[in-house]
Amino acid sequence: MLEPSHIAIARRVLQLEADALSELSRGLDERFVQAVETILAATGRVICTGIGKSGHVARKIAATMASTGTQAYFVHATEASHGDLGMIGQDDVVLALSKSGETKELADMLSYAKRYSIPLIGMTARADSSLGRAADILLLVPEAAEACAETNAPTTSTTLMIALGDALAVALLESRGFKADHFKVFHPGGKLGAMLLAAADVMHTSSELPVVAVGAPFIDAVKTMTAKGFGVLAVTHVDGTLAGLVTDGDLRRHLTSGKTAAIIDDVMTRAPRTVERSSLAADVLRTMNERKITQMFVVDAGKPVGLIHMHDLLKAGLA
C-alpha cells in the first residue's frame, strides 16, 4: 500500500504540471497560428530536432505528426552535424526544441536553416536565447518550475513541450480534414488498428448471408437460418431491401408461445437496426453492447450486403 506521502508528492507534481499547462494555454497567440500555417504551406516535411529529453520529445512529436497526416521525422542534432544535415531540404520546416534555447548541439542546425532559408520554428522557454532569436516563429513555453526542484530534471518543461506538440499535430490534422479512415492507413496493427476497422473489413458477405424473401414458408426459412449458423436471418422485400430479421431468440419466443406461423413474416422483427459499410467496427461493437445483441446486418441502399457477428469483432481484437 502506498504511503500517504507518496500520494501527496504525486498530487503536487500533477498540480504543478496542470497549472503550467493552463499558463501555456493562456499564452497562445498568433505565433501558434503562424506555425500551423507555415507547416501547412510547406511542400516538404517537418524536421523535429532536439537533444536529451527535448530530443525524446521531438521524436515523439515527429511520430505523432507522421501518424496524423503531417509528413515528419526526427533528426538528431548531433548526427546532423556529421552528415545528416543533408536529409533536410529547402522545402522542409525545422521544429527545434530546447528549454534553455542554448543547446550548443543545435548550432549547426540553426545555421543551416538560416543559410538555406528553411523556416525555423523554435520551441523554448527563453525568448532571448540563441534559439529564440534565430527562430522565424517562436513557440514560447512558460518558464515554470520543474517538478523535481532538487535536481531541476526536465519534468514540467517536457510535459509542456509534448502538449504543445500535440496541439500542433491536432491543429494540422483538423485543418487537413484528416479522418479516421485516413488514420487507419497508418495504424493497421494492434488495438488502435482494430478500433479503426470499418464494418466492411469484418463482415461476412455473399453466399455466407442467411437471407430469404418475404412470404417464405416458416420451415424453409428456419432451415436456411440453421444452415448458415449465425443465429440470425434476413428477410427481404422483392426489390432486395431489408424487410426485417429473425433471431434464435425470436424463434424460441414464438415456439414457446404456442402460436403457429405459416410464413417467416409472422415472426420477424421489422425495421431492425443496421449499419453501413463505412461504419466503424468500434461503433458496431458499442451498439451491440448497448442493445444487447450479437449480430447486425450491413446494408447498402437498404439491401443487406454483409453480416457482422460479435465473434467477428472479438477476433479482430476490438474487445
C-alpha atoms as a PDB file:
ATOM      1  CA  MET A   1       0.000   0.000   0.000  1.00  0.00           C
ATOM      2  CA  LEU A   2       1.299   3.440  -0.900  1.00  0.00           C
ATOM      3  CA  GLU A   3       2.288   5.763   1.891  1.00  0.00           C
ATOM      4  CA  PRO A   4       0.154   8.930   2.110  1.00  0.00           C
ATOM      5  CA  SER A   5       3.329  10.954   1.478  1.00  0.00           C
ATOM      6  CA  HIS A   6       3.779   9.261  -1.905  1.00  0.00           C
ATOM      7  CA  ILE A   7       0.283  10.272  -2.950  1.00  0.00           C
ATOM      8  CA  ALA A   8       0.890  13.815  -1.733  1.00  0.00           C
ATOM      9  CA  ILE A   9       4.031  14.028  -3.856  1.00  0.00           C
ATOM     10  CA  ALA A  10       2.189  12.698  -6.897  1.00  0.00           C
ATOM     11  CA  ARG A  11      -0.630  15.210  -6.447  1.00  0.00           C
ATOM     12  CA  ARG A  12       1.872  18.047  -6.049  1.00  0.00           C
ATOM     13  CA  VAL A  13       3.618  17.082  -9.283  1.00  0.00           C
ATOM     14  CA  LEU A  14       0.370  16.714 -11.211  1.00  0.00           C
ATOM     15  CA  GLN A  15      -0.978  20.025  -9.919  1.00  0.00           C
ATOM     16  CA  LEU A  16       2.267  21.805 -10.755  1.00  0.00           C
ATOM     17  CA  GLU A  17       2.191  20.482 -14.310  1.00  0.00           C
ATOM     18  CA  ALA A  18      -1.549  21.171 -14.689  1.00  0.00           C
ATOM     19  CA  ASP A  19      -1.003  24.805 -13.634  1.00  0.00           C
ATOM     20  CA  ALA A  20       1.839  25.113 -16.144  1.00  0.00           C
ATOM     21  CA  LEU A  21      -0.358  23.692 -18.918  1.00  0.00           C
ATOM     22  CA  SER A  22      -3.058  26.244 -18.080  1.00  0.00           C
ATOM     23  CA  GLU A  23      -0.471  29.010 -18.321  1.00  0.00           C
ATOM     24  CA  LEU A  24       0.698  27.641 -21.670  1.00  0.00           C
ATOM     25  CA  SER A  25      -2.873  27.629 -22.970  1.00  0.00           C
ATOM     26  CA  ARG A  26      -3.487  31.218 -21.896  1.00  0.00           C
ATOM     27  CA  GLY A  27      -0.266  32.348 -23.571  1.00  0.00           C
ATOM     28  CA  LEU A  28      -1.015  31.002 -27.046  1.00  0.00           C
ATOM     29  CA  ASP A  29      -1.117  33.777 -29.641  1.00  0.00           C
ATOM     30  CA  GLU A  30      -0.776  34.456 -33.364  1.00  0.00           C
ATOM     31  CA  ARG A  31       2.631  32.778 -33.420  1.00  0.00           C
ATOM     32  CA  PHE A  32       0.955  29.402 -32.958  1.00  0.00           C
ATOM     33  CA  VAL A  33      -1.274  30.232 -35.935  1.00  0.00           C
ATOM     34  CA  GLN A  34       1.810  31.167 -37.960  1.00  0.00           C
ATOM     35  CA  ALA A  35       3.470  27.867 -37.073  1.00  0.00           C
ATOM     36  CA  VAL A  36       0.437  25.866 -38.216  1.00  0.00           C
ATOM     37  CA  GLU A  37       0.080  27.836 -41.444  1.00  0.00           C
ATOM     38  CA  THR A  38       3.811  27.589 -42.201  1.00  0.00           C
ATOM     39  CA  ILE A  39       3.710  23.804 -41.884  1.00  0.00           C
ATOM     40  CA  LEU A  40       0.507  23.572 -43.933  1.00  0.00           C
ATOM     41  CA  ALA A  41       2.093  25.652 -46.705  1.00  0.00           C
ATOM     42  CA  ALA A  42       5.303  23.599 -46.790  1.00  0.00           C
ATOM     43  CA  THR A  43       5.683  21.038 -49.570  1.00  0.00           C
ATOM     44  CA  GLY A  44       8.350  19.144 -47.641  1.00  0.00           C
ATOM     45  CA  ARG A  45       8.451  17.605 -44.199  1.00  0.00           C
ATOM     46  CA  VAL A  46       8.653  18.800 -40.623  1.00  0.00           C
ATOM     47  CA  ILE A  47      12.137  18.092 -39.254  1.00  0.00           C
ATOM     48  CA  CYS A  48      11.853  17.726 -35.484  1.00  0.00           C
ATOM     49  CA  THR A  49      15.104  18.026 -33.563  1.00  0.00           C
ATOM     50  CA  GLY A  50      16.499  18.399 -30.065  1.00  0.00           C
ATOM     51  CA  ILE A  51      18.992  16.968 -27.596  1.00  0.00           C
ATOM     52  CA  GLY A  52      18.457  14.965 -24.416  1.00  0.00           C
ATOM     53  CA  LYS A  53      14.924  14.994 -23.035  1.00  0.00           C
ATOM     54  CA  SER A  54      13.944  17.642 -25.591  1.00  0.00           C
ATOM     55  CA  GLY A  55      15.175  15.234 -28.250  1.00  0.00           C
ATOM     56  CA  HIS A  56      12.932  12.490 -26.896  1.00  0.00           C
ATOM     57  CA  VAL A  57      10.002  14.904 -27.025  1.00  0.00           C
ATOM     58  CA  ALA A  58      10.930  15.962 -30.566  1.00  0.00           C
ATOM     59  CA  ARG A  59      10.956  12.307 -31.628  1.00  0.00           C
ATOM     60  CA  LYS A  60       7.511  11.826 -30.092  1.00  0.00           C
ATOM     61  CA  ILE A  61       6.133  14.933 -31.847  1.00  0.00           C
ATOM     62  CA  ALA A  62       7.504  13.687 -35.171  1.00  0.00           C
ATOM     63  CA  ALA A  63       5.823  10.314 -34.632  1.00  0.00           C
ATOM     64  CA  THR A  64       2.504  11.927 -33.717  1.00  0.00           C
ATOM     65  CA  MET A  65       2.574  14.209 -36.751  1.00  0.00           C
ATOM     66  CA  ALA A  66       3.568  11.401 -39.111  1.00  0.00           C
ATOM     67  CA  SER A  67       0.667   9.246 -37.937  1.00  0.00           C
ATOM     68  CA  THR A  68      -1.866  12.050 -38.318  1.00  0.00           C
ATOM     69  CA  GLY A  69      -1.217  13.218 -41.857  1.00  0.00           C
ATOM     70  CA  THR A  70       1.781  15.563 -41.497  1.00  0.00           C
ATOM     71  CA  GLN A  71       4.997  14.215 -43.014  1.00  0.00           C
ATOM     72  CA  ALA A  72       7.585  14.493 -40.269  1.00  0.00           C
ATOM     73  CA  TYR A  73      10.665  12.763 -38.940  1.00  0.00           C
ATOM     74  CA  PHE A  74      13.258  13.199 -36.219  1.00  0.00           C
ATOM     75  CA  VAL A  75      16.853  14.238 -36.887  1.00  0.00           C
ATOM     76  CA  HIS A  76      19.319  14.034 -34.001  1.00  0.00           C
ATOM     77  CA  ALA A  77      21.061  17.392 -33.746  1.00  0.00           C
ATOM     78  CA  THR A  78      24.494  15.850 -33.161  1.00  0.00           C
ATOM     79  CA  GLU A  79      24.134  13.464 -36.101  1.00  0.00           C
ATOM     80  CA  ALA A  80      23.024  16.424 -38.211  1.00  0.00           C
ATOM     81  CA  SER A  81      26.465  17.966 -37.700  1.00  0.00           C
ATOM     82  CA  HIS A  82      28.050  14.779 -39.029  1.00  0.00           C
ATOM     83  CA  GLY A  83      26.210  14.458 -42.316  1.00  0.00           C
ATOM     84  CA  ASP A  84      22.513  14.261 -41.524  1.00  0.00           C
ATOM     85  CA  LEU A  85      22.003  17.916 -42.484  1.00  0.00           C
ATOM     86  CA  GLY A  86      21.858  16.503 -45.987  1.00  0.00           C
ATOM     87  CA  MET A  87      18.498  14.958 -45.043  1.00  0.00           C
ATOM     88  CA  ILE A  88      16.953  18.411 -44.723  1.00  0.00           C
ATOM     89  CA  GLY A  89      15.667  20.123 -47.854  1.00  0.00           C
ATOM     90  CA  GLN A  90      14.659  23.694 -48.641  1.00  0.00           C
ATOM     91  CA  ASP A  91      11.004  22.640 -48.844  1.00  0.00           C
ATOM     92  CA  ASP A  92      11.097  21.387 -45.250  1.00  0.00           C
ATOM     93  CA  VAL A  93      10.314  23.120 -41.962  1.00  0.00           C
ATOM     94  CA  VAL A  94      12.557  22.695 -38.914  1.00  0.00           C
ATOM     95  CA  LEU A  95      10.961  22.410 -35.472  1.00  0.00           C
ATOM     96  CA  ALA A  96      13.743  22.741 -32.883  1.00  0.00           C
ATOM     97  CA  LEU A  97      13.190  22.090 -29.163  1.00  0.00           C
ATOM     98  CA  SER A  98      15.317  23.293 -26.249  1.00  0.00           C
ATOM     99  CA  LYS A  99      14.099  24.523 -22.873  1.00  0.00           C
ATOM    100  CA  SER A 100      17.061  26.846 -22.373  1.00  0.00           C
ATOM    101  CA  GLY A 101      17.432  27.653 -26.043  1.00  0.00           C
ATOM    102  CA  GLU A 102      21.189  27.430 -25.610  1.00  0.00           C
ATOM    103  CA  THR A 103      21.770  23.796 -26.554  1.00  0.00           C
ATOM    104  CA  LYS A 104      25.120  24.005 -28.312  1.00  0.00           C
ATOM    105  CA  GLU A 105      24.485  20.894 -30.422  1.00  0.00           C
ATOM    106  CA  LEU A 106      21.685  22.802 -32.205  1.00  0.00           C
ATOM    107  CA  ALA A 107      24.047  25.494 -33.510  1.00  0.00           C
ATOM    108  CA  ASP A 108      24.821  23.804 -36.854  1.00  0.00           C
ATOM    109  CA  MET A 109      21.143  23.016 -37.425  1.00  0.00           C
ATOM    110  CA  LEU A 110      20.146  26.640 -36.802  1.00  0.00           C
ATOM    111  CA  SER A 111      22.898  27.962 -39.076  1.00  0.00           C
ATOM    112  CA  TYR A 112      21.929  25.515 -41.818  1.00  0.00           C
ATOM    113  CA  ALA A 113      18.282  26.574 -41.647  1.00  0.00           C
ATOM    114  CA  LYS A 114      19.254  30.236 -41.913  1.00  0.00           C
ATOM    115  CA  ARG A 115      21.732  29.664 -44.746  1.00  0.00           C
ATOM    116  CA  TYR A 116      19.168  27.891 -46.930  1.00  0.00           C
ATOM    117  CA  SER A 117      16.109  29.909 -45.853  1.00  0.00           C
ATOM    118  CA  ILE A 118      14.421  26.895 -44.309  1.00  0.00           C
ATOM    119  CA  PRO A 119      11.613  28.037 -41.982  1.00  0.00           C
ATOM    120  CA  LEU A 120      12.651  27.521 -38.367  1.00  0.00           C
ATOM    121  CA  ILE A 121      10.099  27.083 -35.584  1.00  0.00           C
ATOM    122  CA  GLY A 122      11.672  27.253 -32.146  1.00  0.00           C
ATOM    123  CA  MET A 123      10.097  25.794 -29.018  1.00  0.00           C
ATOM    124  CA  THR A 124      11.814  27.120 -25.901  1.00  0.00           C
ATOM    125  CA  ALA A 125      11.185  28.778 -22.545  1.00  0.00           C
ATOM    126  CA  ARG A 126      13.532  31.704 -23.277  1.00  0.00           C
ATOM    127  CA  ALA A 127      12.797  34.220 -25.991  1.00  0.00           C
ATOM    128  CA  ASP A 128      16.214  35.865 -25.561  1.00  0.00           C
ATOM    129  CA  SER A 129      18.131  32.625 -26.128  1.00  0.00           C
ATOM    130  CA  SER A 130      20.074  31.632 -29.235  1.00  0.00           C
ATOM    131  CA  LEU A 131      17.155  29.501 -30.401  1.00  0.00           C
ATOM    132  CA  GLY A 132      14.625  32.180 -29.518  1.00  0.00           C
ATOM    133  CA  ARG A 133      16.483  34.806 -31.549  1.00  0.00           C
ATOM    134  CA  ALA A 134      17.153  32.508 -34.502  1.00  0.00           C
ATOM    135  CA  ALA A 135      13.594  31.226 -34.815  1.00  0.00           C
ATOM    136  CA  ASP A 136      11.401  32.601 -37.580  1.00  0.00           C
ATOM    137  CA  ILE A 137       8.445  31.597 -35.413  1.00  0.00           C
ATOM    138  CA  LEU A 138       8.857  31.315 -31.654  1.00  0.00           C
ATOM    139  CA  LEU A 139       6.609  29.000 -29.652  1.00  0.00           C
ATOM    140  CA  LEU A 140       7.318  30.096 -26.115  1.00  0.00           C
ATOM    141  CA  VAL A 141       6.589  27.716 -23.263  1.00  0.00           C
ATOM    142  CA  PRO A 142       6.237  29.094 -19.716  1.00  0.00           C
ATOM    143  CA  GLU A 143       9.398  29.033 -17.640  1.00  0.00           C
ATOM    144  CA  ALA A 144       7.594  27.003 -14.987  1.00  0.00           C
ATOM    145  CA  ALA A 145       9.366  25.246 -12.136  1.00  0.00           C
ATOM    146  CA  GLU A 146      10.329  21.654 -12.752  1.00  0.00           C
ATOM    147  CA  ALA A 147       8.501  19.130 -10.581  1.00  0.00           C
ATOM    148  CA  CYS A 148      11.873  17.823  -9.410  1.00  0.00           C
ATOM    149  CA  ALA A 149      13.096  21.020  -7.780  1.00  0.00           C
ATOM    150  CA  GLU A 150      16.116  19.408  -6.116  1.00  0.00           C
ATOM    151  CA  THR A 151      17.793  18.390  -9.372  1.00  0.00           C
ATOM    152  CA  ASN A 152      15.860  20.533 -11.850  1.00  0.00           C
ATOM    153  CA  ALA A 153      15.441  17.420 -14.018  1.00  0.00           C
ATOM    154  CA  PRO A 154      13.199  18.031 -17.042  1.00  0.00           C
ATOM    155  CA  THR A 155       9.652  17.196 -15.958  1.00  0.00           C
ATOM    156  CA  THR A 156       7.255  20.123 -16.235  1.00  0.00           C
ATOM    157  CA  SER A 157       9.128  21.507 -19.234  1.00  0.00           C
ATOM    158  CA  THR A 158       8.910  18.268 -21.211  1.00  0.00           C
ATOM    159  CA  THR A 159       5.216  17.952 -20.379  1.00  0.00           C
ATOM    160  CA  LEU A 160       4.667  21.438 -21.796  1.00  0.00           C
ATOM    161  CA  MET A 161       6.586  20.625 -24.986  1.00  0.00           C
ATOM    162  CA  ILE A 162       4.726  17.357 -25.511  1.00  0.00           C
ATOM    163  CA  ALA A 163       1.391  19.112 -25.022  1.00  0.00           C
ATOM    164  CA  LEU A 164       2.322  21.944 -27.393  1.00  0.00           C
ATOM    165  CA  GLY A 165       3.452  19.379 -29.970  1.00  0.00           C
ATOM    166  CA  ASP A 166       0.132  17.575 -29.606  1.00  0.00           C
ATOM    167  CA  ALA A 167      -1.693  20.878 -30.088  1.00  0.00           C
ATOM    168  CA  LEU A 168       0.259  21.488 -33.301  1.00  0.00           C
ATOM    169  CA  ALA A 169      -0.439  17.980 -34.599  1.00  0.00           C
ATOM    170  CA  VAL A 170      -4.169  18.179 -33.903  1.00  0.00           C
ATOM    171  CA  ALA A 171      -4.470  21.680 -35.398  1.00  0.00           C
ATOM    172  CA  LEU A 172      -2.759  20.377 -38.549  1.00  0.00           C
ATOM    173  CA  LEU A 173      -4.907  17.241 -38.569  1.00  0.00           C
ATOM    174  CA  GLU A 174      -8.159  19.172 -38.370  1.00  0.00           C
ATOM    175  CA  SER A 175      -7.015  21.775 -40.899  1.00  0.00           C
ATOM    176  CA  ARG A 176      -6.319  18.980 -43.389  1.00  0.00           C
ATOM    177  CA  GLY A 177      -9.643  17.255 -42.739  1.00  0.00           C
ATOM    178  CA  PHE A 178      -7.779  14.121 -41.638  1.00  0.00           C
ATOM    179  CA  LYS A 179     -10.373  11.484 -40.681  1.00  0.00           C
ATOM    180  CA  ALA A 180     -10.464   8.059 -39.079  1.00  0.00           C
ATOM    181  CA  ASP A 181     -10.246   6.237 -42.418  1.00  0.00           C
ATOM    182  CA  HIS A 182      -7.014   8.142 -43.203  1.00  0.00           C
ATOM    183  CA  PHE A 183      -5.688   7.435 -39.710  1.00  0.00           C
ATOM    184  CA  LYS A 184      -6.391   3.734 -40.175  1.00  0.00           C
ATOM    185  CA  VAL A 185      -3.933   3.567 -43.092  1.00  0.00           C
ATOM    186  CA  PHE A 186      -1.074   4.443 -40.716  1.00  0.00           C
ATOM    187  CA  HIS A 187      -2.303   2.209 -37.863  1.00  0.00           C
ATOM    188  CA  PRO A 188      -3.092  -1.226 -39.321  1.00  0.00           C
ATOM    189  CA  GLY A 189      -1.879  -3.190 -36.310  1.00  0.00           C
ATOM    190  CA  GLY A 190      -2.770  -3.614 -32.655  1.00  0.00           C
ATOM    191  CA  LYS A 191      -5.756  -2.407 -30.689  1.00  0.00           C
ATOM    192  CA  LEU A 192      -5.755   1.013 -32.338  1.00  0.00           C
ATOM    193  CA  GLY A 193      -5.834  -0.517 -35.798  1.00  0.00           C
ATOM    194  CA  ALA A 194      -8.720  -2.755 -34.769  1.00  0.00           C
ATOM    195  CA  MET A 195     -10.695   0.209 -33.424  1.00  0.00           C
ATOM    196  CA  LEU A 196     -10.357   1.900 -36.819  1.00  0.00           C
ATOM    197  CA  LEU A 197     -11.582  -1.021 -38.896  1.00  0.00           C
ATOM    198  CA  ALA A 198     -14.753  -0.412 -40.880  1.00  0.00           C
ATOM    199  CA  ALA A 199     -17.781  -2.696 -40.910  1.00  0.00           C
ATOM    200  CA  ALA A 200     -16.794  -3.731 -44.452  1.00  0.00           C
ATOM    201  CA  ASP A 201     -13.471  -5.034 -43.106  1.00  0.00           C
ATOM    202  CA  VAL A 202     -15.023  -7.603 -40.773  1.00  0.00           C
ATOM    203  CA  MET A 203     -18.388  -8.547 -42.304  1.00  0.00           C
ATOM    204  CA  HIS A 204     -19.468 -11.829 -43.883  1.00  0.00           C
ATOM    205  CA  THR A 205     -20.721 -11.427 -47.457  1.00  0.00           C
ATOM    206  CA  SER A 206     -22.405 -13.031 -50.497  1.00  0.00           C
ATOM    207  CA  SER A 207     -23.166 -16.746 -50.147  1.00  0.00           C
ATOM    208  CA  GLU A 208     -22.479 -16.672 -46.400  1.00  0.00           C
ATOM    209  CA  LEU A 209     -25.501 -14.461 -45.755  1.00  0.00           C
ATOM    210  CA  PRO A 210     -28.674 -16.059 -44.348  1.00  0.00           C
ATOM    211  CA  VAL A 211     -31.385 -14.426 -46.491  1.00  0.00           C
ATOM    212  CA  VAL A 212     -34.938 -15.351 -47.509  1.00  0.00           C
ATOM    213  CA  ALA A 213     -37.677 -13.389 -49.228  1.00  0.00           C
ATOM    214  CA  VAL A 214     -40.840 -12.150 -47.560  1.00  0.00           C
ATOM    215  CA  GLY A 215     -43.528 -14.778 -47.657  1.00  0.00           C
ATOM    216  CA  ALA A 216     -41.026 -17.645 -47.380  1.00  0.00           C
ATOM    217  CA  PRO A 217     -42.539 -20.707 -45.669  1.00  0.00           C
ATOM    218  CA  PHE A 218     -41.669 -20.729 -41.993  1.00  0.00           C
ATOM    219  CA  ILE A 219     -39.990 -24.146 -42.018  1.00  0.00           C
ATOM    220  CA  ASP A 220     -37.896 -23.362 -45.128  1.00  0.00           C
ATOM    221  CA  ALA A 221     -36.705 -20.097 -43.586  1.00  0.00           C
ATOM    222  CA  VAL A 222     -35.695 -21.856 -40.367  1.00  0.00           C
ATOM    223  CA  LYS A 223     -33.721 -24.402 -42.398  1.00  0.00           C
ATOM    224  CA  THR A 224     -31.841 -21.582 -44.164  1.00  0.00           C
ATOM    225  CA  MET A 225     -31.121 -19.886 -40.872  1.00  0.00           C
ATOM    226  CA  THR A 226     -29.839 -23.141 -39.351  1.00  0.00           C
ATOM    227  CA  ALA A 227     -27.653 -23.946 -42.355  1.00  0.00           C
ATOM    228  CA  LYS A 228     -25.809 -20.602 -42.212  1.00  0.00           C
ATOM    229  CA  GLY A 229     -25.101 -20.912 -38.492  1.00  0.00           C
ATOM    230  CA  PHE A 230     -25.186 -17.265 -37.442  1.00  0.00           C
ATOM    231  CA  GLY A 231     -28.336 -17.455 -35.352  1.00  0.00           C
ATOM    232  CA  VAL A 232     -29.992 -14.753 -37.418  1.00  0.00           C
ATOM    233  CA  LEU A 233     -31.900 -14.468 -40.705  1.00  0.00           C
ATOM    234  CA  ALA A 234     -32.539 -11.507 -43.019  1.00  0.00           C
ATOM    235  CA  VAL A 235     -35.946 -11.224 -44.671  1.00  0.00           C
ATOM    236  CA  THR A 236     -36.001  -9.079 -47.817  1.00  0.00           C
ATOM    237  CA  HIS A 237     -38.603  -7.392 -49.992  1.00  0.00           C
ATOM    238  CA  VAL A 238     -38.921  -8.241 -53.687  1.00  0.00           C
ATOM    239  CA  ASP A 239     -36.551  -5.356 -54.522  1.00  0.00           C
ATOM    240  CA  GLY A 240     -33.897  -6.817 -52.196  1.00  0.00           C
ATOM    241  CA  THR A 241     -34.233  -4.253 -49.410  1.00  0.00           C
ATOM    242  CA  LEU A 242     -34.325  -5.459 -45.835  1.00  0.00           C
ATOM    243  CA  ALA A 243     -37.840  -6.041 -44.507  1.00  0.00           C
ATOM    244  CA  GLY A 244     -36.857  -7.500 -41.151  1.00  0.00           C
ATOM    245  CA  LEU A 245     -34.826 -10.138 -39.363  1.00  0.00           C
ATOM    246  CA  VAL A 246     -35.337 -13.200 -37.235  1.00  0.00           C
ATOM    247  CA  THR A 247     -33.034 -14.333 -34.423  1.00  0.00           C
ATOM    248  CA  ASP A 248     -32.776 -17.548 -32.460  1.00  0.00           C
ATOM    249  CA  GLY A 249     -34.439 -15.688 -29.619  1.00  0.00           C
ATOM    250  CA  ASP A 250     -37.391 -14.752 -31.841  1.00  0.00           C
ATOM    251  CA  LEU A 251     -37.859 -18.422 -32.737  1.00  0.00           C
ATOM    252  CA  ARG A 252     -37.705 -19.568 -29.116  1.00  0.00           C
ATOM    253  CA  ARG A 253     -40.207 -16.968 -28.006  1.00  0.00           C
ATOM    254  CA  HIS A 254     -42.532 -17.859 -30.864  1.00  0.00           C
ATOM    255  CA  LEU A 255     -42.375 -21.607 -30.277  1.00  0.00           C
ATOM    256  CA  THR A 256     -42.904 -21.321 -26.513  1.00  0.00           C
ATOM    257  CA  SER A 257     -45.906 -19.027 -27.006  1.00  0.00           C
ATOM    258  CA  GLY A 258     -47.922 -21.858 -28.541  1.00  0.00           C
ATOM    259  CA  LYS A 259     -48.619 -19.839 -31.687  1.00  0.00           C
ATOM    260  CA  THR A 260     -48.186 -21.168 -35.211  1.00  0.00           C
ATOM    261  CA  ALA A 261     -46.635 -19.406 -38.219  1.00  0.00           C
ATOM    262  CA  ALA A 262     -47.118 -20.246 -41.884  1.00  0.00           C
ATOM    263  CA  ILE A 263     -44.596 -17.741 -43.196  1.00  0.00           C
ATOM    264  CA  ILE A 264     -41.473 -16.192 -41.724  1.00  0.00           C
ATOM    265  CA  ASP A 265     -43.038 -12.704 -41.811  1.00  0.00           C
ATOM    266  CA  ASP A 266     -45.149 -13.706 -38.794  1.00  0.00           C
ATOM    267  CA  VAL A 267     -42.026 -13.994 -36.646  1.00  0.00           C
ATOM    268  CA  MET A 268     -39.631 -11.342 -37.958  1.00  0.00           C
ATOM    269  CA  THR A 269     -38.696  -8.085 -36.283  1.00  0.00           C
ATOM    270  CA  ARG A 270     -39.444  -5.248 -38.683  1.00  0.00           C
ATOM    271  CA  ALA A 271     -37.170  -2.234 -39.298  1.00  0.00           C
ATOM    272  CA  PRO A 272     -34.175  -3.679 -37.421  1.00  0.00           C
ATOM    273  CA  ARG A 273     -31.067  -1.678 -36.523  1.00  0.00           C
ATOM    274  CA  THR A 274     -28.447  -1.880 -39.303  1.00  0.00           C
ATOM    275  CA  VAL A 275     -25.070  -0.325 -40.146  1.00  0.00           C
ATOM    276  CA  GLU A 276     -23.365   0.967 -43.287  1.00  0.00           C
ATOM    277  CA  ARG A 277     -20.207  -0.444 -44.870  1.00  0.00           C
ATOM    278  CA  SER A 278     -18.221   2.592 -43.725  1.00  0.00           C
ATOM    279  CA  SER A 279     -19.380   2.419 -40.095  1.00  0.00           C
ATOM    280  CA  LEU A 280     -16.502   1.948 -37.677  1.00  0.00           C
ATOM    281  CA  ALA A 281     -16.358  -1.563 -36.261  1.00  0.00           C
ATOM    282  CA  ALA A 282     -15.853   0.030 -32.839  1.00  0.00           C
ATOM    283  CA  ASP A 283     -19.223   1.770 -33.213  1.00  0.00           C
ATOM    284  CA  VAL A 284     -20.834  -1.523 -34.246  1.00  0.00           C
ATOM    285  CA  LEU A 285     -19.470  -3.146 -31.096  1.00  0.00           C
ATOM    286  CA  ARG A 286     -20.747  -0.269 -28.962  1.00  0.00           C
ATOM    287  CA  THR A 287     -24.233  -0.584 -30.477  1.00  0.00           C
ATOM    288  CA  MET A 288     -24.277  -4.339 -29.919  1.00  0.00           C
ATOM    289  CA  ASN A 289     -23.326  -3.894 -26.285  1.00  0.00           C
ATOM    290  CA  GLU A 290     -25.912  -1.170 -25.728  1.00  0.00           C
ATOM    291  CA  ARG A 291     -28.734  -3.100 -27.386  1.00  0.00           C
ATOM    292  CA  LYS A 292     -27.590  -6.489 -26.024  1.00  0.00           C
ATOM    293  CA  ILE A 293     -27.498  -8.109 -29.462  1.00  0.00           C
ATOM    294  CA  THR A 294     -24.836 -10.294 -31.071  1.00  0.00           C
ATOM    295  CA  GLN A 295     -25.402  -9.736 -34.818  1.00  0.00           C
ATOM    296  CA  MET A 296     -26.042  -6.814 -37.147  1.00  0.00           C
ATOM    297  CA  PHE A 297     -26.643  -6.662 -40.869  1.00  0.00           C
ATOM    298  CA  VAL A 298     -24.652  -4.286 -43.050  1.00  0.00           C
ATOM    299  CA  VAL A 299     -26.774  -2.587 -45.705  1.00  0.00           C
ATOM    300  CA  ASP A 300     -26.136  -0.642 -48.883  1.00  0.00           C
ATOM    301  CA  ALA A 301     -29.097   1.361 -50.205  1.00  0.00           C
ATOM    302  CA  GLY A 302     -31.245  -0.625 -47.806  1.00  0.00           C
ATOM    303  CA  LYS A 303     -30.111  -4.022 -49.125  1.00  0.00           C
ATOM    304  CA  PRO A 304     -28.233  -6.453 -46.870  1.00  0.00           C
ATOM    305  CA  VAL A 305     -24.681  -6.865 -48.185  1.00  0.00           C
ATOM    306  CA  GLY A 306     -22.986  -8.168 -45.068  1.00  0.00           C
ATOM    307  CA  LEU A 307     -23.406  -9.571 -41.592  1.00  0.00           C
ATOM    308  CA  ILE A 308     -21.290  -8.909 -38.510  1.00  0.00           C
ATOM    309  CA  HIS A 309     -21.333 -11.251 -35.526  1.00  0.00           C
ATOM    310  CA  MET A 310     -19.935 -10.316 -32.124  1.00  0.00           C
ATOM    311  CA  HIS A 311     -17.374 -13.111 -32.559  1.00  0.00           C
ATOM    312  CA  ASP A 312     -16.001 -11.340 -35.652  1.00  0.00           C
ATOM    313  CA  LEU A 313     -15.351  -8.213 -33.612  1.00  0.00           C
ATOM    314  CA  LEU A 314     -13.660 -10.218 -30.882  1.00  0.00           C
ATOM    315  CA  LYS A 315     -11.436 -11.964 -33.433  1.00  0.00           C
ATOM    316  CA  ALA A 316     -10.487  -8.571 -34.898  1.00  0.00           C
ATOM    317  CA  GLY A 317      -9.195  -7.511 -31.482  1.00  0.00           C
ATOM    318  CA  LEU A 318     -11.812  -4.924 -30.600  1.00  0.00           C
ATOM    319  CA  ALA A 319     -12.522  -6.387 -27.186  1.00  0.00           C
END
